[in-house]
Amino acid sequence: MRNEATLETWLRRATRHLSATSAAQVRSEIQAHYESARDEALGGGAAPEEADRMALASLGDASTAGRHYRKVLLTTSEDRLLRETTWEARVVCSRLRWLYPIPAAALCAGIWFFIAGQTYLALLLVVGAAGISLLLARPLLPINTPARARVFRGVRWAWLAAVLLLAVWPDLRNQSWLLAAVAWPIVWVEWTLFSVRRKLAVAQWPRPLFL
């Protein structure tokens, strides 16, 4: 019982902050490695308790193993963000038809403001129309390879940068705090999704990871 509790303690430390699926994978692999090392020690003449200690020692430090697993397997926060992103994508795509008139209306309004001399408002409307058009086009575009996904994300990032800069222009210096406050959550989400893409094989990517 004491040895089983010790192994369980090691597993809890090593799988801390891993998603349920990742933790189950680690537990299965470690249990198999532990049993193999224990059987080998018993076959070498070690007593059962000594074999347990040797098998546990062969696993190495649990915290070090945990850091390694978090680099290559999905963590709890990554798994949650991936599920939320997939759910949001399904909800948005199911309601896109209601947004179809918006880009055309925004573009027409932008042209009208430009003719009227309201250049700033015209730019805001044109950039907004471009972003909504990009959103509406996503389900129709053949973005199904990492290379195409990088191109699409590059265009999307350029659009986001334009929106953020227009929001604080021309008082960029005094409004830099607002720019940082708005940009930080976006950067965090994109960085987390980048980590997920690195850990999963392309064949396992859900549609939102391409976008």
C-alpha atoms as a PDB file:
ATOM      1  CA  MET A   1       0.000   0.000   0.000  1.00  0.00           C
ATOM      2  CA  ARG A   2       2.828   2.415   0.876  1.00  0.00           C
ATOM      3  CA  ASN A   3       4.583   1.813  -2.452  1.00  0.00           C
ATOM      4  CA  GLU A   4       1.348   2.269  -4.411  1.00  0.00           C
ATOM      5  CA  ALA A   5       0.723   5.540  -2.566  1.00  0.00           C
ATOM      6  CA  THR A   6       4.265   6.667  -3.402  1.00  0.00           C
ATOM      7  CA  LEU A   7       3.758   5.920  -7.090  1.00  0.00           C
ATOM      8  CA  GLU A   8       0.418   7.729  -7.003  1.00  0.00           C
ATOM      9  CA  THR A   9       2.112  10.760  -5.434  1.00  0.00           C
ATOM     10  CA  TRP A  10       4.712  10.717  -8.219  1.00  0.00           C
ATOM     11  CA  LEU A  11       1.964  10.524 -10.843  1.00  0.00           C
ATOM     12  CA  ARG A  12      -0.017  13.390  -9.302  1.00  0.00           C
ATOM     13  CA  ARG A  13       3.053  15.624  -9.340  1.00  0.00           C
ATOM     14  CA  ALA A  14       4.071  14.649 -12.868  1.00  0.00           C
ATOM     15  CA  THR A  15       0.575  15.135 -14.339  1.00  0.00           C
ATOM     16  CA  ARG A  16      -0.196  18.412 -12.555  1.00  0.00           C
ATOM     17  CA  HIS A  17      -1.751  20.982 -14.946  1.00  0.00           C
ATOM     18  CA  LEU A  18      -2.079  18.412 -17.739  1.00  0.00           C
ATOM     19  CA  SER A  19      -5.412  17.899 -19.493  1.00  0.00           C
ATOM     20  CA  ALA A  20      -7.402  14.790 -18.598  1.00  0.00           C
ATOM     21  CA  THR A  21      -6.440  13.058 -21.840  1.00  0.00           C
ATOM     22  CA  SER A  22      -2.753  13.932 -21.439  1.00  0.00           C
ATOM     23  CA  ALA A  23      -2.741  12.822 -17.803  1.00  0.00           C
ATOM     24  CA  ALA A  24      -4.342   9.481 -18.728  1.00  0.00           C
ATOM     25  CA  GLN A  25      -1.685   8.943 -21.401  1.00  0.00           C
ATOM     26  CA  VAL A  26       1.125   9.696 -18.955  1.00  0.00           C
ATOM     27  CA  ARG A  27      -0.362   7.448 -16.293  1.00  0.00           C
ATOM     28  CA  SER A  28      -0.647   4.539 -18.720  1.00  0.00           C
ATOM     29  CA  GLU A  29       2.935   4.918 -19.927  1.00  0.00           C
ATOM     30  CA  ILE A  30       4.396   5.393 -16.447  1.00  0.00           C
ATOM     31  CA  GLN A  31       2.468   2.448 -14.998  1.00  0.00           C
ATOM     32  CA  ALA A  32       3.829   0.207 -17.766  1.00  0.00           C
ATOM     33  CA  HIS A  33       7.370   1.507 -17.247  1.00  0.00           C
ATOM     34  CA  TYR A  34       7.085   1.089 -13.474  1.00  0.00           C
ATOM     35  CA  GLU A  35       5.835  -2.496 -13.729  1.00  0.00           C
ATOM     36  CA  SER A  36       8.546  -3.369 -16.242  1.00  0.00           C
ATOM     37  CA  ALA A  37      11.289  -1.910 -14.041  1.00  0.00           C
ATOM     38  CA  ARG A  38       9.850  -3.657 -10.979  1.00  0.00           C
ATOM     39  CA  ASP A  39       9.706  -7.027 -12.730  1.00  0.00           C
ATOM     40  CA  GLU A  40      13.284  -6.579 -13.904  1.00  0.00           C
ATOM     41  CA  ALA A  41      14.424  -5.816 -10.356  1.00  0.00           C
ATOM     42  CA  LEU A  42      12.560  -8.832  -8.989  1.00  0.00           C
ATOM     43  CA  GLY A  43      14.122 -10.976 -11.679  1.00  0.00           C
ATOM     44  CA  GLY A  44      17.519  -9.754 -10.534  1.00  0.00           C
ATOM     45  CA  GLY A  45      16.886 -11.028  -7.032  1.00  0.00           C
ATOM     46  CA  ALA A  46      15.665  -7.845  -5.327  1.00  0.00           C
ATOM     47  CA  ALA A  47      13.115  -8.081  -2.512  1.00  0.00           C
ATOM     48  CA  PRO A  48       9.618  -6.751  -3.317  1.00  0.00           C
ATOM     49  CA  GLU A  49      10.054  -3.509  -1.357  1.00  0.00           C
ATOM     50  CA  GLU A  50      13.500  -2.944  -2.824  1.00  0.00           C
ATOM     51  CA  ALA A  51      12.115  -3.647  -6.295  1.00  0.00           C
ATOM     52  CA  ASP A  52       9.429  -1.008  -5.687  1.00  0.00           C
ATOM     53  CA  ARG A  53      12.034   1.569  -4.661  1.00  0.00           C
ATOM     54  CA  MET A  54      14.209   0.767  -7.663  1.00  0.00           C
ATOM     55  CA  ALA A  55      11.255   1.000 -10.045  1.00  0.00           C
ATOM     56  CA  LEU A  56      10.220   4.347  -8.582  1.00  0.00           C
ATOM     57  CA  ALA A  57      13.777   5.665  -8.775  1.00  0.00           C
ATOM     58  CA  SER A  58      13.908   4.691 -12.459  1.00  0.00           C
ATOM     59  CA  LEU A  59      11.125   7.175 -13.145  1.00  0.00           C
ATOM     60  CA  GLY A  60      13.314  10.108 -12.178  1.00  0.00           C
ATOM     61  CA  ASP A  61      12.153  13.338 -10.546  1.00  0.00           C
ATOM     62  CA  ALA A  62       8.403  13.896 -10.865  1.00  0.00           C
ATOM     63  CA  SER A  63       8.638  17.702 -11.146  1.00  0.00           C
ATOM     64  CA  THR A  64      11.245  17.469 -13.907  1.00  0.00           C
ATOM     65  CA  ALA A  65       9.111  14.926 -15.743  1.00  0.00           C
ATOM     66  CA  GLY A  66       6.072  17.177 -15.316  1.00  0.00           C
ATOM     67  CA  ARG A  67       7.863  20.124 -16.922  1.00  0.00           C
ATOM     68  CA  HIS A  68       8.795  17.926 -19.864  1.00  0.00           C
ATOM     69  CA  TYR A  69       5.240  16.628 -20.276  1.00  0.00           C
ATOM     70  CA  ARG A  70       3.802  20.166 -20.226  1.00  0.00           C
ATOM     71  CA  LYS A  71       6.096  21.046 -23.136  1.00  0.00           C
ATOM     72  CA  VAL A  72       4.857  18.232 -25.367  1.00  0.00           C
ATOM     73  CA  LEU A  73       1.326  17.420 -24.141  1.00  0.00           C
ATOM     74  CA  LEU A  74      -1.784  19.552 -23.816  1.00  0.00           C
ATOM     75  CA  THR A  75      -2.185  21.346 -20.503  1.00  0.00           C
ATOM     76  CA  THR A  76      -5.481  22.041 -18.774  1.00  0.00           C
ATOM     77  CA  SER A  77      -5.590  25.662 -19.959  1.00  0.00           C
ATOM     78  CA  GLU A  78      -4.709  24.716 -23.553  1.00  0.00           C
ATOM     79  CA  ASP A  79      -7.362  22.006 -23.666  1.00  0.00           C
ATOM     80  CA  ARG A  80      -9.983  24.394 -22.240  1.00  0.00           C
ATOM     81  CA  LEU A  81      -9.104  27.140 -24.734  1.00  0.00           C
ATOM     82  CA  LEU A  82      -9.208  24.650 -27.627  1.00  0.00           C
ATOM     83  CA  ARG A  83     -12.655  23.407 -26.614  1.00  0.00           C
ATOM     84  CA  GLU A  84     -13.967  26.958 -26.145  1.00  0.00           C
ATOM     85  CA  THR A  85     -12.542  28.062 -29.496  1.00  0.00           C
ATOM     86  CA  THR A  86     -14.114  25.090 -31.288  1.00  0.00           C
ATOM     87  CA  TRP A  87     -17.487  25.762 -29.645  1.00  0.00           C
ATOM     88  CA  GLU A  88     -17.373  29.472 -30.483  1.00  0.00           C
ATOM     89  CA  ALA A  89     -16.453  28.703 -34.107  1.00  0.00           C
ATOM     90  CA  ARG A  90     -19.492  26.414 -34.471  1.00  0.00           C
ATOM     91  CA  VAL A  91     -21.808  29.031 -32.947  1.00  0.00           C
ATOM     92  CA  VAL A  92     -20.469  31.881 -35.103  1.00  0.00           C
ATOM     93  CA  CYS A  93     -20.535  29.870 -38.332  1.00  0.00           C
ATOM     94  CA  SER A  94     -24.156  28.880 -37.723  1.00  0.00           C
ATOM     95  CA  ARG A  95     -25.153  32.555 -37.573  1.00  0.00           C
ATOM     96  CA  LEU A  96     -22.964  34.055 -40.297  1.00  0.00           C
ATOM     97  CA  ARG A  97     -25.804  34.502 -42.767  1.00  0.00           C
ATOM     98  CA  TRP A  98     -27.194  37.324 -40.624  1.00  0.00           C
ATOM     99  CA  LEU A  99     -23.945  39.276 -41.109  1.00  0.00           C
ATOM    100  CA  TYR A 100     -23.783  39.179 -44.902  1.00  0.00           C
ATOM    101  CA  PRO A 101     -25.264  42.690 -45.471  1.00  0.00           C
ATOM    102  CA  ILE A 102     -22.948  44.360 -42.940  1.00  0.00           C
ATOM    103  CA  PRO A 103     -19.696  44.563 -44.983  1.00  0.00           C
ATOM    104  CA  ALA A 104     -21.478  46.065 -47.989  1.00  0.00           C
ATOM    105  CA  ALA A 105     -23.275  48.602 -45.806  1.00  0.00           C
ATOM    106  CA  ALA A 106     -20.057  49.520 -43.985  1.00  0.00           C
ATOM    107  CA  LEU A 107     -18.177  49.906 -47.256  1.00  0.00           C
ATOM    108  CA  CYS A 108     -20.866  52.164 -48.722  1.00  0.00           C
ATOM    109  CA  ALA A 109     -20.895  54.251 -45.557  1.00  0.00           C
ATOM    110  CA  GLY A 110     -17.096  54.476 -45.661  1.00  0.00           C
ATOM    111  CA  ILE A 111     -17.185  55.765 -49.232  1.00  0.00           C
ATOM    112  CA  TRP A 112     -19.820  58.329 -48.266  1.00  0.00           C
ATOM    113  CA  PHE A 113     -17.771  59.577 -45.302  1.00  0.00           C
ATOM    114  CA  PHE A 114     -14.655  59.757 -47.482  1.00  0.00           C
ATOM    115  CA  ILE A 115     -16.479  61.929 -50.023  1.00  0.00           C
ATOM    116  CA  ALA A 116     -17.739  64.071 -47.149  1.00  0.00           C
ATOM    117  CA  GLY A 117     -14.174  64.614 -45.951  1.00  0.00           C
ATOM    118  CA  GLN A 118     -14.431  62.409 -42.844  1.00  0.00           C
ATOM    119  CA  THR A 119     -11.323  60.380 -43.644  1.00  0.00           C
ATOM    120  CA  TYR A 120     -10.882  58.845 -40.168  1.00  0.00           C
ATOM    121  CA  LEU A 121     -14.440  57.522 -39.997  1.00  0.00           C
ATOM    122  CA  ALA A 122     -14.126  56.299 -43.567  1.00  0.00           C
ATOM    123  CA  LEU A 123     -10.987  54.319 -42.704  1.00  0.00           C
ATOM    124  CA  LEU A 124     -12.637  52.805 -39.633  1.00  0.00           C
ATOM    125  CA  LEU A 125     -15.615  51.636 -41.670  1.00  0.00           C
ATOM    126  CA  VAL A 126     -13.516  50.264 -44.531  1.00  0.00           C
ATOM    127  CA  VAL A 127     -11.208  48.377 -42.167  1.00  0.00           C
ATOM    128  CA  GLY A 128     -14.236  47.058 -40.282  1.00  0.00           C
ATOM    129  CA  ALA A 129     -15.837  45.911 -43.528  1.00  0.00           C
ATOM    130  CA  ALA A 130     -12.617  44.120 -44.484  1.00  0.00           C
ATOM    131  CA  GLY A 131     -12.509  42.307 -41.148  1.00  0.00           C
ATOM    132  CA  ILE A 132     -16.122  41.179 -41.313  1.00  0.00           C
ATOM    133  CA  SER A 133     -15.609  40.032 -44.897  1.00  0.00           C
ATOM    134  CA  LEU A 134     -12.646  37.974 -43.708  1.00  0.00           C
ATOM    135  CA  LEU A 135     -14.814  36.437 -40.984  1.00  0.00           C
ATOM    136  CA  LEU A 136     -17.581  35.603 -43.437  1.00  0.00           C
ATOM    137  CA  ALA A 137     -15.156  34.085 -45.935  1.00  0.00           C
ATOM    138  CA  ARG A 138     -13.493  31.708 -43.457  1.00  0.00           C
ATOM    139  CA  PRO A 139     -15.889  28.754 -43.888  1.00  0.00           C
ATOM    140  CA  LEU A 140     -15.591  29.020 -47.675  1.00  0.00           C
ATOM    141  CA  LEU A 141     -11.808  29.240 -47.971  1.00  0.00           C
ATOM    142  CA  PRO A 142      -9.753  26.030 -48.510  1.00  0.00           C
ATOM    143  CA  ILE A 143      -7.565  26.638 -45.472  1.00  0.00           C
ATOM    144  CA  ASN A 144      -6.571  23.044 -44.772  1.00  0.00           C
ATOM    145  CA  THR A 145      -2.763  23.065 -44.692  1.00  0.00           C
ATOM    146  CA  PRO A 146      -0.309  24.691 -42.249  1.00  0.00           C
ATOM    147  CA  ALA A 147       1.090  26.933 -45.029  1.00  0.00           C
ATOM    148  CA  ARG A 148      -2.339  28.273 -45.991  1.00  0.00           C
ATOM    149  CA  ALA A 149      -3.186  28.671 -42.316  1.00  0.00           C
ATOM    150  CA  ARG A 150      -0.078  30.823 -41.775  1.00  0.00           C
ATOM    151  CA  VAL A 151      -1.022  33.071 -44.705  1.00  0.00           C
ATOM    152  CA  PHE A 152      -4.573  33.474 -43.403  1.00  0.00           C
ATOM    153  CA  ARG A 153      -3.418  34.226 -39.863  1.00  0.00           C
ATOM    154  CA  GLY A 154      -0.918  36.760 -41.228  1.00  0.00           C
ATOM    155  CA  VAL A 155      -3.727  38.604 -43.008  1.00  0.00           C
ATOM    156  CA  ARG A 156      -5.884  38.436 -39.878  1.00  0.00           C
ATOM    157  CA  TRP A 157      -3.059  39.783 -37.712  1.00  0.00           C
ATOM    158  CA  ALA A 158      -2.503  42.649 -40.174  1.00  0.00           C
ATOM    159  CA  TRP A 159      -6.203  43.493 -39.927  1.00  0.00           C
ATOM    160  CA  LEU A 160      -6.136  43.386 -36.119  1.00  0.00           C
ATOM    161  CA  ALA A 161      -3.060  45.637 -36.041  1.00  0.00           C
ATOM    162  CA  ALA A 162      -4.824  48.126 -38.320  1.00  0.00           C
ATOM    163  CA  VAL A 163      -7.904  48.142 -36.075  1.00  0.00           C
ATOM    164  CA  LEU A 164      -5.848  48.680 -32.910  1.00  0.00           C
ATOM    165  CA  LEU A 165      -3.772  51.457 -34.449  1.00  0.00           C
ATOM    166  CA  LEU A 166      -6.840  53.255 -35.775  1.00  0.00           C
ATOM    167  CA  ALA A 167      -8.471  52.979 -32.348  1.00  0.00           C
ATOM    168  CA  VAL A 168      -5.676  54.987 -30.677  1.00  0.00           C
ATOM    169  CA  TRP A 169      -4.624  57.203 -33.597  1.00  0.00           C
ATOM    170  CA  PRO A 170      -3.394  59.954 -33.608  1.00  0.00           C
ATOM    171  CA  ASP A 171      -2.750  60.058 -29.839  1.00  0.00           C
ATOM    172  CA  LEU A 172      -0.693  56.853 -29.958  1.00  0.00           C
ATOM    173  CA  ARG A 173       1.688  57.749 -27.116  1.00  0.00           C
ATOM    174  CA  ASN A 174      -0.952  58.675 -24.555  1.00  0.00           C
ATOM    175  CA  GLN A 175      -3.202  55.800 -25.575  1.00  0.00           C
ATOM    176  CA  SER A 176      -0.473  53.163 -25.567  1.00  0.00           C
ATOM    177  CA  TRP A 177      -1.839  51.735 -22.291  1.00  0.00           C
ATOM    178  CA  LEU A 178      -5.161  51.093 -24.008  1.00  0.00           C
ATOM    179  CA  LEU A 179      -3.376  49.462 -26.925  1.00  0.00           C
ATOM    180  CA  ALA A 180      -1.470  47.158 -24.546  1.00  0.00           C
ATOM    181  CA  ALA A 181      -4.596  46.318 -22.528  1.00  0.00           C
ATOM    182  CA  VAL A 182      -6.539  45.333 -25.639  1.00  0.00           C
ATOM    183  CA  ALA A 183      -3.674  43.553 -27.395  1.00  0.00           C
ATOM    184  CA  TRP A 184      -2.491  41.458 -24.437  1.00  0.00           C
ATOM    185  CA  PRO A 185      -5.484  39.023 -24.295  1.00  0.00           C
ATOM    186  CA  ILE A 186      -5.308  38.573 -28.071  1.00  0.00           C
ATOM    187  CA  VAL A 187      -1.585  37.823 -27.930  1.00  0.00           C
ATOM    188  CA  TRP A 188      -2.097  35.361 -25.045  1.00  0.00           C
ATOM    189  CA  VAL A 189      -4.801  33.445 -26.937  1.00  0.00           C
ATOM    190  CA  GLU A 190      -2.724  33.312 -30.123  1.00  0.00           C
ATOM    191  CA  TRP A 191       0.370  32.163 -28.236  1.00  0.00           C
ATOM    192  CA  THR A 192      -1.616  29.402 -26.515  1.00  0.00           C
ATOM    193  CA  LEU A 193      -3.046  28.256 -29.842  1.00  0.00           C
ATOM    194  CA  PHE A 194       0.472  28.282 -31.299  1.00  0.00           C
ATOM    195  CA  SER A 195       1.537  25.961 -28.472  1.00  0.00           C
ATOM    196  CA  VAL A 196      -1.410  23.652 -29.193  1.00  0.00           C
ATOM    197  CA  ARG A 197      -0.529  23.511 -32.903  1.00  0.00           C
ATOM    198  CA  ARG A 198       3.032  22.578 -32.012  1.00  0.00           C
ATOM    199  CA  LYS A 199       1.898  19.727 -29.769  1.00  0.00           C
ATOM    200  CA  LEU A 200      -0.765  18.184 -32.005  1.00  0.00           C
ATOM    201  CA  ALA A 201      -0.217  16.454 -35.320  1.00  0.00           C
ATOM    202  CA  VAL A 202      -1.799  18.336 -38.240  1.00  0.00           C
ATOM    203  CA  ALA A 203      -4.224  15.452 -38.755  1.00  0.00           C
ATOM    204  CA  GLN A 204      -5.574  16.128 -35.241  1.00  0.00           C
ATOM    205  CA  TRP A 205      -6.134  19.854 -35.780  1.00  0.00           C
ATOM    206  CA  PRO A 206      -9.768  20.943 -35.521  1.00  0.00           C
ATOM    207  CA  ARG A 207     -10.825  23.624 -37.999  1.00  0.00           C
ATOM    208  CA  PRO A 208     -10.231  26.600 -35.621  1.00  0.00           C
ATOM    209  CA  LEU A 209      -6.523  25.742 -35.344  1.00  0.00           C
ATOM    210  CA  PHE A 210      -6.108  26.458 -39.050  1.00  0.00           C
ATOM    211  CA  LEU A 211      -7.666  29.871 -38.585  1.00  0.00           C
END
